[in-house]
Amino acid sequence: MTSFVRWLSSALSVYFTAALIPGIRVKSFIWALIAALIIGFLNTIIKPILQFFSFPLLIITLGLFSLVINAFLLWSAGAILKGFEVDGFWPALWGSIVISISNAFIFWLLKPAQKVYQQ
C-alpha cells in the first residue's frame, strides 16, 4: 500500500510541476502516472551509476551536482515518453527542484496517515 501511495504522490508532483514550469508538459494524469513510474525506475537504476562516476564532482560542489543529475534524469524521462515532454536543461533543472519539494511536502502531509496504517 505504501508503494502505491508514493507512486500516486509522485504522479501528483509531476502533474503539479507540469502546470507550474513552462517547458514541461504532460498530456494527462495517466501520463503523469507513467512518467512517475519511469522517473522512479531511472532514479533506482541509473542514478546510482551516475553518482558513482560523478563522485569527485559531488564532493567538490558539496552535493549540488546532484541537482544536475536529477535534471538529466527528468530530461531523459521526457525523451522516453511521448506524453511527457521536457524542452531542455533549464526546465528540467527547475522541474526536478519543484518535484523534489512537492514530493517532500506531500510525504510530510501523508506522514500522520502512515502512522494509522502501521498500527
PDB file of N, CA and C in Angstrom:
ATOM      1  N   MET A   1       0.816  -1.197   0.000  1.00  0.00           N
ATOM      2  CA  MET A   1       0.000   0.000   0.000  1.00  0.00           C
ATOM      3  C   MET A   1       0.864   1.268   0.000  1.00  0.00           C
ATOM      4  N   THR A   2       1.977   1.230   0.734  1.00  0.00           N
ATOM      5  CA  THR A   2       2.840   2.402   0.819  1.00  0.00           C
ATOM      6  C   THR A   2       3.459   2.730  -0.533  1.00  0.00           C
ATOM      7  N   SER A   3       3.844   1.725  -1.299  1.00  0.00           N
ATOM      8  CA  SER A   3       4.427   1.964  -2.620  1.00  0.00           C
ATOM      9  C   SER A   3       3.416   2.616  -3.555  1.00  0.00           C
ATOM     10  N   PHE A   4       2.177   2.190  -3.473  1.00  0.00           N
ATOM     11  CA  PHE A   4       1.125   2.776  -4.309  1.00  0.00           C
ATOM     12  C   PHE A   4       0.909   4.242  -3.957  1.00  0.00           C
ATOM     13  N   VAL A   5       0.898   4.565  -2.669  1.00  0.00           N
ATOM     14  CA  VAL A   5       0.705   5.947  -2.235  1.00  0.00           C
ATOM     15  C   VAL A   5       1.884   6.809  -2.666  1.00  0.00           C
ATOM     16  N   ARG A   6       3.096   6.283  -2.570  1.00  0.00           N
ATOM     17  CA  ARG A   6       4.277   7.029  -3.013  1.00  0.00           C
ATOM     18  C   ARG A   6       4.236   7.275  -4.521  1.00  0.00           C
ATOM     19  N   TRP A   7       3.820   6.269  -5.272  1.00  0.00           N
ATOM     20  CA  TRP A   7       3.722   6.412  -6.719  1.00  0.00           C
ATOM     21  C   TRP A   7       2.672   7.463  -7.081  1.00  0.00           C
ATOM     22  N   LEU A   8       1.527   7.416  -6.418  1.00  0.00           N
ATOM     23  CA  LEU A   8       0.457   8.373  -6.673  1.00  0.00           C
ATOM     24  C   LEU A   8       0.894   9.790  -6.309  1.00  0.00           C
ATOM     25  N   SER A   9       1.586   9.941  -5.190  1.00  0.00           N
ATOM     26  CA  SER A   9       2.046  11.276  -4.791  1.00  0.00           C
ATOM     27  C   SER A   9       3.132  11.787  -5.741  1.00  0.00           C
ATOM     28  N   SER A  10       3.971  10.908  -6.235  1.00  0.00           N
ATOM     29  CA  SER A  10       4.974  11.321  -7.230  1.00  0.00           C
ATOM     30  C   SER A  10       4.303  11.763  -8.522  1.00  0.00           C
ATOM     31  N   ALA A  11       3.244  11.072  -8.909  1.00  0.00           N
ATOM     32  CA  ALA A  11       2.498  11.469 -10.106  1.00  0.00           C
ATOM     33  C   ALA A  11       1.832  12.826  -9.905  1.00  0.00           C
ATOM     34  N   LEU A  12       1.315  13.076  -8.709  1.00  0.00           N
ATOM     35  CA  LEU A  12       0.756  14.390  -8.407  1.00  0.00           C
ATOM     36  C   LEU A  12       1.827  15.471  -8.497  1.00  0.00           C
ATOM     37  N   SER A  13       3.023  15.162  -8.026  1.00  0.00           N
ATOM     38  CA  SER A  13       4.131  16.115  -8.106  1.00  0.00           C
ATOM     39  C   SER A  13       4.504  16.407  -9.555  1.00  0.00           C
ATOM     40  N   VAL A  14       4.538  15.385 -10.386  1.00  0.00           N
ATOM     41  CA  VAL A  14       4.850  15.571 -11.805  1.00  0.00           C
ATOM     42  C   VAL A  14       3.770  16.413 -12.479  1.00  0.00           C
ATOM     43  N   TYR A  15       2.522  16.130 -12.167  1.00  0.00           N
ATOM     44  CA  TYR A  15       1.406  16.873 -12.756  1.00  0.00           C
ATOM     45  C   TYR A  15       1.433  18.336 -12.315  1.00  0.00           C
ATOM     46  N   PHE A  16       1.715  18.564 -11.036  1.00  0.00           N
ATOM     47  CA  PHE A  16       1.823  19.916 -10.496  1.00  0.00           C
ATOM     48  C   PHE A  16       2.984  20.670 -11.141  1.00  0.00           C
ATOM     49  N   THR A  17       4.100  19.996 -11.317  1.00  0.00           N
ATOM     50  CA  THR A  17       5.273  20.616 -11.922  1.00  0.00           C
ATOM     51  C   THR A  17       5.008  21.003 -13.370  1.00  0.00           C
ATOM     52  N   ALA A  18       4.299  20.162 -14.088  1.00  0.00           N
ATOM     53  CA  ALA A  18       3.970  20.466 -15.485  1.00  0.00           C
ATOM     54  C   ALA A  18       3.064  21.694 -15.573  1.00  0.00           C
ATOM     55  N   ALA A  19       2.212  21.878 -14.583  1.00  0.00           N
ATOM     56  CA  ALA A  19       1.347  23.055 -14.579  1.00  0.00           C
ATOM     57  C   ALA A  19       2.112  24.316 -14.179  1.00  0.00           C
ATOM     58  N   LEU A  20       3.181  24.156 -13.421  1.00  0.00           N
ATOM     59  CA  LEU A  20       3.900  25.294 -12.867  1.00  0.00           C
ATOM     60  C   LEU A  20       5.080  25.752 -13.729  1.00  0.00           C
ATOM     61  N   ILE A  21       5.831  24.827 -14.289  1.00  0.00           N
ATOM     62  CA  ILE A  21       7.071  25.152 -15.007  1.00  0.00           C
ATOM     63  C   ILE A  21       6.811  25.181 -16.513  1.00  0.00           C
ATOM     64  N   PRO A  22       7.063  26.336 -17.156  1.00  0.00           N
ATOM     65  CA  PRO A  22       6.965  26.349 -18.621  1.00  0.00           C
ATOM     66  C   PRO A  22       8.100  25.514 -19.221  1.00  0.00           C
ATOM     67  N   GLY A  23       7.766  24.747 -20.209  1.00  0.00           N
ATOM     68  CA  GLY A  23       8.762  23.876 -20.822  1.00  0.00           C
ATOM     69  C   GLY A  23       8.607  22.428 -20.411  1.00  0.00           C
ATOM     70  N   ILE A  24       7.714  22.161 -19.455  1.00  0.00           N
ATOM     71  CA  ILE A  24       7.391  20.782 -19.065  1.00  0.00           C
ATOM     72  C   ILE A  24       5.898  20.600 -19.301  1.00  0.00           C
ATOM     73  N   ARG A  25       5.572  19.585 -20.077  1.00  0.00           N
ATOM     74  CA  ARG A  25       4.171  19.330 -20.411  1.00  0.00           C
ATOM     75  C   ARG A  25       3.839  17.857 -20.200  1.00  0.00           C
ATOM     76  N   VAL A  26       2.648  17.618 -19.705  1.00  0.00           N
ATOM     77  CA  VAL A  26       2.143  16.256 -19.568  1.00  0.00           C
ATOM     78  C   VAL A  26       0.725  16.259 -20.137  1.00  0.00           C
ATOM     79  N   LYS A  27       0.405  15.258 -20.936  1.00  0.00           N
ATOM     80  CA  LYS A  27      -0.877  15.240 -21.636  1.00  0.00           C
ATOM     81  C   LYS A  27      -2.065  15.009 -20.702  1.00  0.00           C
ATOM     82  N   SER A  28      -1.907  14.123 -19.727  1.00  0.00           N
ATOM     83  CA  SER A  28      -2.999  13.829 -18.803  1.00  0.00           C
ATOM     84  C   SER A  28      -2.418  13.249 -17.523  1.00  0.00           C
ATOM     85  N   PHE A  29      -3.285  13.002 -16.561  1.00  0.00           N
ATOM     86  CA  PHE A  29      -2.810  12.435 -15.312  1.00  0.00           C
ATOM     87  C   PHE A  29      -2.316  11.002 -15.510  1.00  0.00           C
ATOM     88  N   ILE A  30      -2.872  10.303 -16.464  1.00  0.00           N
ATOM     89  CA  ILE A  30      -2.387   8.949 -16.775  1.00  0.00           C
ATOM     90  C   ILE A  30      -0.926   9.013 -17.210  1.00  0.00           C
ATOM     91  N   TRP A  31      -0.592   9.997 -18.053  1.00  0.00           N
ATOM     92  CA  TRP A  31       0.804  10.161 -18.467  1.00  0.00           C
ATOM     93  C   TRP A  31       1.682  10.592 -17.307  1.00  0.00           C
ATOM     94  N   ALA A  32       1.117  11.332 -16.354  1.00  0.00           N
ATOM     95  CA  ALA A  32       1.877  11.697 -15.153  1.00  0.00           C
ATOM     96  C   ALA A  32       2.173  10.451 -14.317  1.00  0.00           C
ATOM     97  N   LEU A  33       1.224   9.515 -14.249  1.00  0.00           N
ATOM     98  CA  LEU A  33       1.463   8.250 -13.548  1.00  0.00           C
ATOM     99  C   LEU A  33       2.584   7.457 -14.219  1.00  0.00           C
ATOM    100  N   ILE A  34       2.541   7.407 -15.547  1.00  0.00           N
ATOM    101  CA  ILE A  34       3.586   6.679 -16.282  1.00  0.00           C
ATOM    102  C   ILE A  34       4.934   7.385 -16.125  1.00  0.00           C
ATOM    103  N   ALA A  35       4.922   8.719 -16.181  1.00  0.00           N
ATOM    104  CA  ALA A  35       6.167   9.482 -16.014  1.00  0.00           C
ATOM    105  C   ALA A  35       6.756   9.262 -14.627  1.00  0.00           C
ATOM    106  N   ALA A  36       5.910   9.226 -13.604  1.00  0.00           N
ATOM    107  CA  ALA A  36       6.393   8.970 -12.244  1.00  0.00           C
ATOM    108  C   ALA A  36       7.011   7.582 -12.152  1.00  0.00           C
ATOM    109  N   LEU A  37       6.428   6.626 -12.834  1.00  0.00           N
ATOM    110  CA  LEU A  37       6.977   5.272 -12.853  1.00  0.00           C
ATOM    111  C   LEU A  37       8.346   5.241 -13.540  1.00  0.00           C
ATOM    112  N   ILE A  38       8.461   5.911 -14.676  1.00  0.00           N
ATOM    113  CA  ILE A  38       9.730   5.955 -15.412  1.00  0.00           C
ATOM    114  C   ILE A  38      10.789   6.720 -14.611  1.00  0.00           C
ATOM    115  N   ILE A  39      10.419   7.840 -14.013  1.00  0.00           N
ATOM    116  CA  ILE A  39      11.366   8.610 -13.206  1.00  0.00           C
ATOM    117  C   ILE A  39      11.842   7.782 -12.017  1.00  0.00           C
ATOM    118  N   GLY A  40      10.927   7.070 -11.380  1.00  0.00           N
ATOM    119  CA  GLY A  40      11.316   6.196 -10.272  1.00  0.00           C
ATOM    120  C   GLY A  40      12.264   5.092 -10.719  1.00  0.00           C
ATOM    121  N   PHE A  41      11.999   4.526 -11.885  1.00  0.00           N
ATOM    122  CA  PHE A  41      12.889   3.490 -12.430  1.00  0.00           C
ATOM    123  C   PHE A  41      14.274   4.058 -12.717  1.00  0.00           C
ATOM    124  N   LEU A  42      14.323   5.229 -13.360  1.00  0.00           N
ATOM    125  CA  LEU A  42      15.611   5.854 -13.660  1.00  0.00           C
ATOM    126  C   LEU A  42      16.363   6.213 -12.376  1.00  0.00           C
ATOM    127  N   ASN A  43      15.637   6.692 -11.369  1.00  0.00           N
ATOM    128  CA  ASN A  43      16.276   7.024 -10.093  1.00  0.00           C
ATOM    129  C   ASN A  43      16.812   5.782  -9.394  1.00  0.00           C
ATOM    130  N   THR A  44      16.157   4.656  -9.583  1.00  0.00           N
ATOM    131  CA  THR A  44      16.593   3.425  -8.930  1.00  0.00           C
ATOM    132  C   THR A  44      17.771   2.776  -9.658  1.00  0.00           C
ATOM    133  N   ILE A  45      17.761   2.786 -10.972  1.00  0.00           N
ATOM    134  CA  ILE A  45      18.769   2.066 -11.747  1.00  0.00           C
ATOM    135  C   ILE A  45      19.922   2.969 -12.202  1.00  0.00           C
ATOM    136  N   ILE A  46      19.622   4.092 -12.814  1.00  0.00           N
ATOM    137  CA  ILE A  46      20.638   4.923 -13.454  1.00  0.00           C
ATOM    138  C   ILE A  46      21.306   5.896 -12.474  1.00  0.00           C
ATOM    139  N   LYS A  47      20.547   6.451 -11.550  1.00  0.00           N
ATOM    140  CA  LYS A  47      21.090   7.475 -10.660  1.00  0.00           C
ATOM    141  C   LYS A  47      22.296   6.997  -9.836  1.00  0.00           C
ATOM    142  N   PRO A  48      22.273   5.788  -9.245  1.00  0.00           N
ATOM    143  CA  PRO A  48      23.469   5.357  -8.507  1.00  0.00           C
ATOM    144  C   PRO A  48      24.714   5.236  -9.385  1.00  0.00           C
ATOM    145  N   ILE A  49      24.535   4.837 -10.632  1.00  0.00           N
ATOM    146  CA  ILE A  49      25.668   4.732 -11.555  1.00  0.00           C
ATOM    147  C   ILE A  49      26.237   6.118 -11.852  1.00  0.00           C
ATOM    148  N   LEU A  50      25.332   7.080 -12.126  1.00  0.00           N
ATOM    149  CA  LEU A  50      25.790   8.440 -12.389  1.00  0.00           C
ATOM    150  C   LEU A  50      26.458   9.054 -11.166  1.00  0.00           C
ATOM    151  N   GLN A  51      25.929   8.771  -9.977  1.00  0.00           N
ATOM    152  CA  GLN A  51      26.545   9.302  -8.759  1.00  0.00           C
ATOM    153  C   GLN A  51      27.923   8.696  -8.520  1.00  0.00           C
ATOM    154  N   PHE A  52      28.074   7.436  -8.848  1.00  0.00           N
ATOM    155  CA  PHE A  52      29.368   6.784  -8.678  1.00  0.00           C
ATOM    156  C   PHE A  52      30.432   7.437  -9.563  1.00  0.00           C
ATOM    157  N   PHE A  53      30.081   7.643 -10.841  1.00  0.00           N
ATOM    158  CA  PHE A  53      31.061   8.197 -11.767  1.00  0.00           C
ATOM    159  C   PHE A  53      31.282   9.700 -11.577  1.00  0.00           C
ATOM    160  N   SER A  54      30.322  10.382 -10.959  1.00  0.00           N
ATOM    161  CA  SER A  54      30.490  11.815 -10.734  1.00  0.00           C
ATOM    162  C   SER A  54      30.836  12.133  -9.276  1.00  0.00           C
ATOM    163  N   PHE A  55      31.309  11.141  -8.552  1.00  0.00           N
ATOM    164  CA  PHE A  55      31.613  11.330  -7.133  1.00  0.00           C
ATOM    165  C   PHE A  55      32.574  12.495  -6.876  1.00  0.00           C
ATOM    166  N   PRO A  56      33.649  12.674  -7.652  1.00  0.00           N
ATOM    167  CA  PRO A  56      34.514  13.833  -7.413  1.00  0.00           C
ATOM    168  C   PRO A  56      33.780  15.174  -7.566  1.00  0.00           C
ATOM    169  N   LEU A  57      32.900  15.273  -8.582  1.00  0.00           N
ATOM    170  CA  LEU A  57      32.127  16.500  -8.759  1.00  0.00           C
ATOM    171  C   LEU A  57      31.149  16.712  -7.605  1.00  0.00           C
ATOM    172  N   LEU A  58      30.571  15.634  -7.111  1.00  0.00           N
ATOM    173  CA  LEU A  58      29.668  15.749  -5.971  1.00  0.00           C
ATOM    174  C   LEU A  58      30.402  16.251  -4.730  1.00  0.00           C
ATOM    175  N   ILE A  59      31.635  15.802  -4.543  1.00  0.00           N
ATOM    176  CA  ILE A  59      32.431  16.247  -3.400  1.00  0.00           C
ATOM    177  C   ILE A  59      32.822  17.717  -3.560  1.00  0.00           C
ATOM    178  N   ILE A  60      33.304  18.083  -4.749  1.00  0.00           N
ATOM    179  CA  ILE A  60      33.759  19.457  -4.988  1.00  0.00           C
ATOM    180  C   ILE A  60      32.606  20.455  -4.838  1.00  0.00           C
ATOM    181  N   THR A  61      31.418  20.086  -5.322  1.00  0.00           N
ATOM    182  CA  THR A  61      30.277  21.008  -5.277  1.00  0.00           C
ATOM    183  C   THR A  61      29.431  20.833  -4.025  1.00  0.00           C
ATOM    184  N   LEU A  62      29.914  20.039  -3.083  1.00  0.00           N
ATOM    185  CA  LEU A  62      29.195  19.775  -1.824  1.00  0.00           C
ATOM    186  C   LEU A  62      27.793  19.205  -2.071  1.00  0.00           C
ATOM    187  N   GLY A  63      27.669  18.389  -3.086  1.00  0.00           N
ATOM    188  CA  GLY A  63      26.412  17.704  -3.374  1.00  0.00           C
ATOM    189  C   GLY A  63      25.494  18.419  -4.332  1.00  0.00           C
ATOM    190  N   LEU A  64      25.824  19.650  -4.713  1.00  0.00           N
ATOM    191  CA  LEU A  64      24.939  20.389  -5.618  1.00  0.00           C
ATOM    192  C   LEU A  64      24.896  19.796  -7.028  1.00  0.00           C
ATOM    193  N   PHE A  65      25.898  19.018  -7.396  1.00  0.00           N
ATOM    194  CA  PHE A  65      25.878  18.379  -8.706  1.00  0.00           C
ATOM    195  C   PHE A  65      24.740  17.357  -8.803  1.00  0.00           C
ATOM    196  N   SER A  66      24.213  16.926  -7.665  1.00  0.00           N
ATOM    197  CA  SER A  66      23.072  16.007  -7.696  1.00  0.00           C
ATOM    198  C   SER A  66      21.845  16.661  -8.336  1.00  0.00           C
ATOM    199  N   LEU A  67      21.758  17.998  -8.283  1.00  0.00           N
ATOM    200  CA  LEU A  67      20.671  18.693  -8.990  1.00  0.00           C
ATOM    201  C   LEU A  67      20.797  18.496 -10.497  1.00  0.00           C
ATOM    202  N   VAL A  68      22.020  18.504 -10.984  1.00  0.00           N
ATOM    203  CA  VAL A  68      22.253  18.284 -12.414  1.00  0.00           C
ATOM    204  C   VAL A  68      21.896  16.849 -12.792  1.00  0.00           C
ATOM    205  N   ILE A  69      22.252  15.909 -11.920  1.00  0.00           N
ATOM    206  CA  ILE A  69      21.905  14.501 -12.178  1.00  0.00           C
ATOM    207  C   ILE A  69      20.393  14.328 -12.203  1.00  0.00           C
ATOM    208  N   ASN A  70      19.692  14.925 -11.241  1.00  0.00           N
ATOM    209  CA  ASN A  70      18.228  14.832 -11.213  1.00  0.00           C
ATOM    210  C   ASN A  70      17.606  15.466 -12.456  1.00  0.00           C
ATOM    211  N   ALA A  71      18.161  16.609 -12.887  1.00  0.00           N
ATOM    212  CA  ALA A  71      17.651  17.262 -14.096  1.00  0.00           C
ATOM    213  C   ALA A  71      17.865  16.379 -15.318  1.00  0.00           C
ATOM    214  N   PHE A  72      19.023  15.753 -15.402  1.00  0.00           N
ATOM    215  CA  PHE A  72      19.306  14.857 -16.527  1.00  0.00           C
ATOM    216  C   PHE A  72      18.329  13.681 -16.555  1.00  0.00           C
ATOM    217  N   LEU A  73      18.018  13.125 -15.391  1.00  0.00           N
ATOM    218  CA  LEU A  73      17.085  12.000 -15.334  1.00  0.00           C
ATOM    219  C   LEU A  73      15.670  12.429 -15.714  1.00  0.00           C
ATOM    220  N   LEU A  74      15.265  13.629 -15.287  1.00  0.00           N
ATOM    221  CA  LEU A  74      13.945  14.136 -15.669  1.00  0.00           C
ATOM    222  C   LEU A  74      13.898  14.392 -17.168  1.00  0.00           C
ATOM    223  N   TRP A  75      14.965  14.948 -17.706  1.00  0.00           N
ATOM    224  CA  TRP A  75      15.064  15.197 -19.139  1.00  0.00           C
ATOM    225  C   TRP A  75      15.034  13.877 -19.906  1.00  0.00           C
ATOM    226  N   SER A  76      15.679  12.861 -19.385  1.00  0.00           N
ATOM    227  CA  SER A  76      15.676  11.538 -20.015  1.00  0.00           C
ATOM    228  C   SER A  76      14.278  10.930 -20.014  1.00  0.00           C
ATOM    229  N   ALA A  77      13.556  11.108 -18.927  1.00  0.00           N
ATOM    230  CA  ALA A  77      12.179  10.596 -18.877  1.00  0.00           C
ATOM    231  C   ALA A  77      11.322  11.291 -19.929  1.00  0.00           C
ATOM    232  N   GLY A  78      11.556  12.587 -20.128  1.00  0.00           N
ATOM    233  CA  GLY A  78      10.834  13.305 -21.174  1.00  0.00           C
ATOM    234  C   GLY A  78      11.190  12.820 -22.563  1.00  0.00           C
ATOM    235  N   ALA A  79      12.428  12.357 -22.741  1.00  0.00           N
ATOM    236  CA  ALA A  79      12.842  11.834 -24.045  1.00  0.00           C
ATOM    237  C   ALA A  79      12.257  10.441 -24.302  1.00  0.00           C
ATOM    238  N   ILE A  80      12.004   9.693 -23.236  1.00  0.00           N
ATOM    239  CA  ILE A  80      11.491   8.330 -23.369  1.00  0.00           C
ATOM    240  C   ILE A  80       9.993   8.333 -23.664  1.00  0.00           C
ATOM    241  N   LEU A  81       9.247   9.197 -22.973  1.00  0.00           N
ATOM    242  CA  LEU A  81       7.780   9.197 -23.070  1.00  0.00           C
ATOM    243  C   LEU A  81       7.285  10.224 -24.072  1.00  0.00           C
ATOM    244  N   LYS A  82       6.243   9.870 -24.801  1.00  0.00           N
ATOM    245  CA  LYS A  82       5.657  10.804 -25.752  1.00  0.00           C
ATOM    246  C   LYS A  82       4.636  11.725 -25.088  1.00  0.00           C
ATOM    247  N   GLY A  83       4.029  11.301 -24.002  1.00  0.00           N
ATOM    248  CA  GLY A  83       3.019  12.112 -23.328  1.00  0.00           C
ATOM    249  C   GLY A  83       3.582  13.007 -22.246  1.00  0.00           C
ATOM    250  N   PHE A  84       4.899  12.973 -22.069  1.00  0.00           N
ATOM    251  CA  PHE A  84       5.586  13.796 -21.072  1.00  0.00           C
ATOM    252  C   PHE A  84       6.775  14.435 -21.764  1.00  0.00           C
ATOM    253  N   GLU A  85       6.775  15.769 -21.849  1.00  0.00           N
ATOM    254  CA  GLU A  85       7.807  16.470 -22.610  1.00  0.00           C
ATOM    255  C   GLU A  85       8.553  17.450 -21.722  1.00  0.00           C
ATOM    256  N   VAL A  86       9.868  17.452 -21.856  1.00  0.00           N
ATOM    257  CA  VAL A  86      10.739  18.414 -21.184  1.00  0.00           C
ATOM    258  C   VAL A  86      11.558  19.084 -22.281  1.00  0.00           C
ATOM    259  N   ASP A  87      11.457  20.419 -22.383  1.00  0.00           N
ATOM    260  CA  ASP A  87      12.031  21.134 -23.517  1.00  0.00           C
ATOM    261  C   ASP A  87      13.540  21.321 -23.472  1.00  0.00           C
ATOM    262  N   GLY A  88      14.142  21.273 -22.322  1.00  0.00           N
ATOM    263  CA  GLY A  88      15.586  21.485 -22.269  1.00  0.00           C
ATOM    264  C   GLY A  88      16.118  21.312 -20.866  1.00  0.00           C
ATOM    265  N   PHE A  89      17.390  21.718 -20.689  1.00  0.00           N
ATOM    266  CA  PHE A  89      18.041  21.517 -19.403  1.00  0.00           C
ATOM    267  C   PHE A  89      17.442  22.391 -18.313  1.00  0.00           C
ATOM    268  N   TRP A  90      17.213  23.679 -18.591  1.00  0.00           N
ATOM    269  CA  TRP A  90      16.734  24.572 -17.543  1.00  0.00           C
ATOM    270  C   TRP A  90      15.335  24.216 -17.055  1.00  0.00           C
ATOM    271  N   PRO A  91      14.381  23.902 -17.928  1.00  0.00           N
ATOM    272  CA  PRO A  91      13.104  23.421 -17.401  1.00  0.00           C
ATOM    273  C   PRO A  91      13.261  22.113 -16.611  1.00  0.00           C
ATOM    274  N   ALA A  92      14.197  21.262 -17.047  1.00  0.00           N
ATOM    275  CA  ALA A  92      14.438  20.013 -16.313  1.00  0.00           C
ATOM    276  C   ALA A  92      15.020  20.302 -14.936  1.00  0.00           C
ATOM    277  N   LEU A  93      15.929  21.266 -14.847  1.00  0.00           N
ATOM    278  CA  LEU A  93      16.523  21.611 -13.558  1.00  0.00           C
ATOM    279  C   LEU A  93      15.473  22.172 -12.605  1.00  0.00           C
ATOM    280  N   TRP A  94      14.707  23.156 -13.073  1.00  0.00           N
ATOM    281  CA  TRP A  94      13.670  23.731 -12.219  1.00  0.00           C
ATOM    282  C   TRP A  94      12.582  22.702 -11.915  1.00  0.00           C
ATOM    283  N   GLY A  95      12.263  21.869 -12.889  1.00  0.00           N
ATOM    284  CA  GLY A  95      11.261  20.833 -12.666  1.00  0.00           C
ATOM    285  C   GLY A  95      11.699  19.810 -11.639  1.00  0.00           C
ATOM    286  N   SER A  96      12.971  19.431 -11.668  1.00  0.00           N
ATOM    287  CA  SER A  96      13.453  18.459 -10.677  1.00  0.00           C
ATOM    288  C   SER A  96      13.430  19.054  -9.275  1.00  0.00           C
ATOM    289  N   ILE A  97      13.703  20.354  -9.166  1.00  0.00           N
ATOM    290  CA  ILE A  97      13.630  21.012  -7.854  1.00  0.00           C
ATOM    291  C   ILE A  97      12.195  21.059  -7.361  1.00  0.00           C
ATOM    292  N   VAL A  98      11.266  21.429  -8.236  1.00  0.00           N
ATOM    293  CA  VAL A  98       9.854  21.514  -7.844  1.00  0.00           C
ATOM    294  C   VAL A  98       9.305  20.137  -7.495  1.00  0.00           C
ATOM    295  N   ILE A  99       9.672  19.126  -8.264  1.00  0.00           N
ATOM    296  CA  ILE A  99       9.211  17.764  -7.965  1.00  0.00           C
ATOM    297  C   ILE A  99       9.737  17.319  -6.608  1.00  0.00           C
ATOM    298  N   SER A 100      10.988  17.598  -6.313  1.00  0.00           N
ATOM    299  CA  SER A 100      11.558  17.204  -5.021  1.00  0.00           C
ATOM    300  C   SER A 100      10.849  17.898  -3.860  1.00  0.00           C
ATOM    301  N   ILE A 101      10.620  19.191  -4.000  1.00  0.00           N
ATOM    302  CA  ILE A 101       9.965  19.939  -2.925  1.00  0.00           C
ATOM    303  C   ILE A 101       8.518  19.506  -2.757  1.00  0.00           C
ATOM    304  N   SER A 102       7.796  19.347  -3.862  1.00  0.00           N
ATOM    305  CA  SER A 102       6.388  18.953  -3.749  1.00  0.00           C
ATOM    306  C   SER A 102       6.249  17.521  -3.237  1.00  0.00           C
ATOM    307  N   ASN A 103       7.162  16.630  -3.628  1.00  0.00           N
ATOM    308  CA  ASN A 103       7.147  15.269  -3.080  1.00  0.00           C
ATOM    309  C   ASN A 103       7.380  15.292  -1.576  1.00  0.00           C
ATOM    310  N   ALA A 104       8.348  16.075  -1.133  1.00  0.00           N
ATOM    311  CA  ALA A 104       8.622  16.169   0.302  1.00  0.00           C
ATOM    312  C   ALA A 104       7.410  16.718   1.044  1.00  0.00           C
ATOM    313  N   PHE A 105       6.741  17.707   0.464  1.00  0.00           N
ATOM    314  CA  PHE A 105       5.551  18.281   1.096  1.00  0.00           C
ATOM    315  C   PHE A 105       4.412  17.264   1.167  1.00  0.00           C
ATOM    316  N   ILE A 106       4.177  16.542   0.088  1.00  0.00           N
ATOM    317  CA  ILE A 106       3.102  15.549   0.075  1.00  0.00           C
ATOM    318  C   ILE A 106       3.401  14.428   1.069  1.00  0.00           C
ATOM    319  N   PHE A 107       4.658  13.959   1.116  1.00  0.00           N
ATOM    320  CA  PHE A 107       5.030  12.913   2.075  1.00  0.00           C
ATOM    321  C   PHE A 107       4.877  13.419   3.500  1.00  0.00           C
ATOM    322  N   TRP A 108       5.177  14.699   3.736  1.00  0.00           N
ATOM    323  CA  TRP A 108       5.005  15.283   5.061  1.00  0.00           C
ATOM    324  C   TRP A 108       3.523  15.320   5.439  1.00  0.00           C
ATOM    325  N   LEU A 109       2.662  15.643   4.476  1.00  0.00           N
ATOM    326  CA  LEU A 109       1.226  15.645   4.734  1.00  0.00           C
ATOM    327  C   LEU A 109       0.698  14.235   5.014  1.00  0.00           C
ATOM    328  N   LEU A 110       1.246  13.236   4.359  1.00  0.00           N
ATOM    329  CA  LEU A 110       0.776  11.863   4.497  1.00  0.00           C
ATOM    330  C   LEU A 110       1.386  11.139   5.699  1.00  0.00           C
ATOM    331  N   LYS A 111       2.342  11.738   6.358  1.00  0.00           N
ATOM    332  CA  LYS A 111       3.011  11.071   7.469  1.00  0.00           C
ATOM    333  C   LYS A 111       2.046  10.657   8.588  1.00  0.00           C
ATOM    334  N   PRO A 112       1.088  11.526   9.007  1.00  0.00           N
ATOM    335  CA  PRO A 112       0.133  11.061  10.028  1.00  0.00           C
ATOM    336  C   PRO A 112      -0.716   9.879   9.565  1.00  0.00           C
ATOM    337  N   ALA A 113      -1.061   9.839   8.291  1.00  0.00           N
ATOM    338  CA  ALA A 113      -1.853   8.726   7.761  1.00  0.00           C
ATOM    339  C   ALA A 113      -1.053   7.429   7.763  1.00  0.00           C
ATOM    340  N   GLN A 114       0.256   7.506   7.567  1.00  0.00           N
ATOM    341  CA  GLN A 114       1.085   6.309   7.582  1.00  0.00           C
ATOM    342  C   GLN A 114       1.140   5.699   8.974  1.00  0.00           C
ATOM    343  N   LYS A 115       1.097   6.520   9.995  1.00  0.00           N
ATOM    344  CA  LYS A 115       1.102   6.001  11.360  1.00  0.00           C
ATOM    345  C   LYS A 115      -0.167   5.209  11.645  1.00  0.00           C
ATOM    346  N   VAL A 116      -1.277   5.646  11.083  1.00  0.00           N
ATOM    347  CA  VAL A 116      -2.552   4.927  11.270  1.00  0.00           C
ATOM    348  C   VAL A 116      -2.482   3.565  10.598  1.00  0.00           C
ATOM    349  N   TYR A 117      -1.900   3.501   9.372  1.00  0.00           N
ATOM    350  CA  TYR A 117      -1.801   2.234   8.661  1.00  0.00           C
ATOM    351  C   TYR A 117      -0.837   1.257   9.329  1.00  0.00           C
ATOM    352  N   GLN A 118       0.180   1.777  10.019  1.00  0.00           N
ATOM    353  CA  GLN A 118       1.164   0.897  10.636  1.00  0.00           C
ATOM    354  C   GLN A 118       0.635   0.241  11.906  1.00  0.00           C
ATOM    355  N   GLN A 119      -0.381   0.803  12.520  1.00  0.00           N
ATOM    356  CA  GLN A 119      -0.918   0.215  13.748  1.00  0.00           C
ATOM    357  C   GLN A 119      -1.760  -0.937  13.434  1.00  0.00           C
TER     358      GLN A 119
END
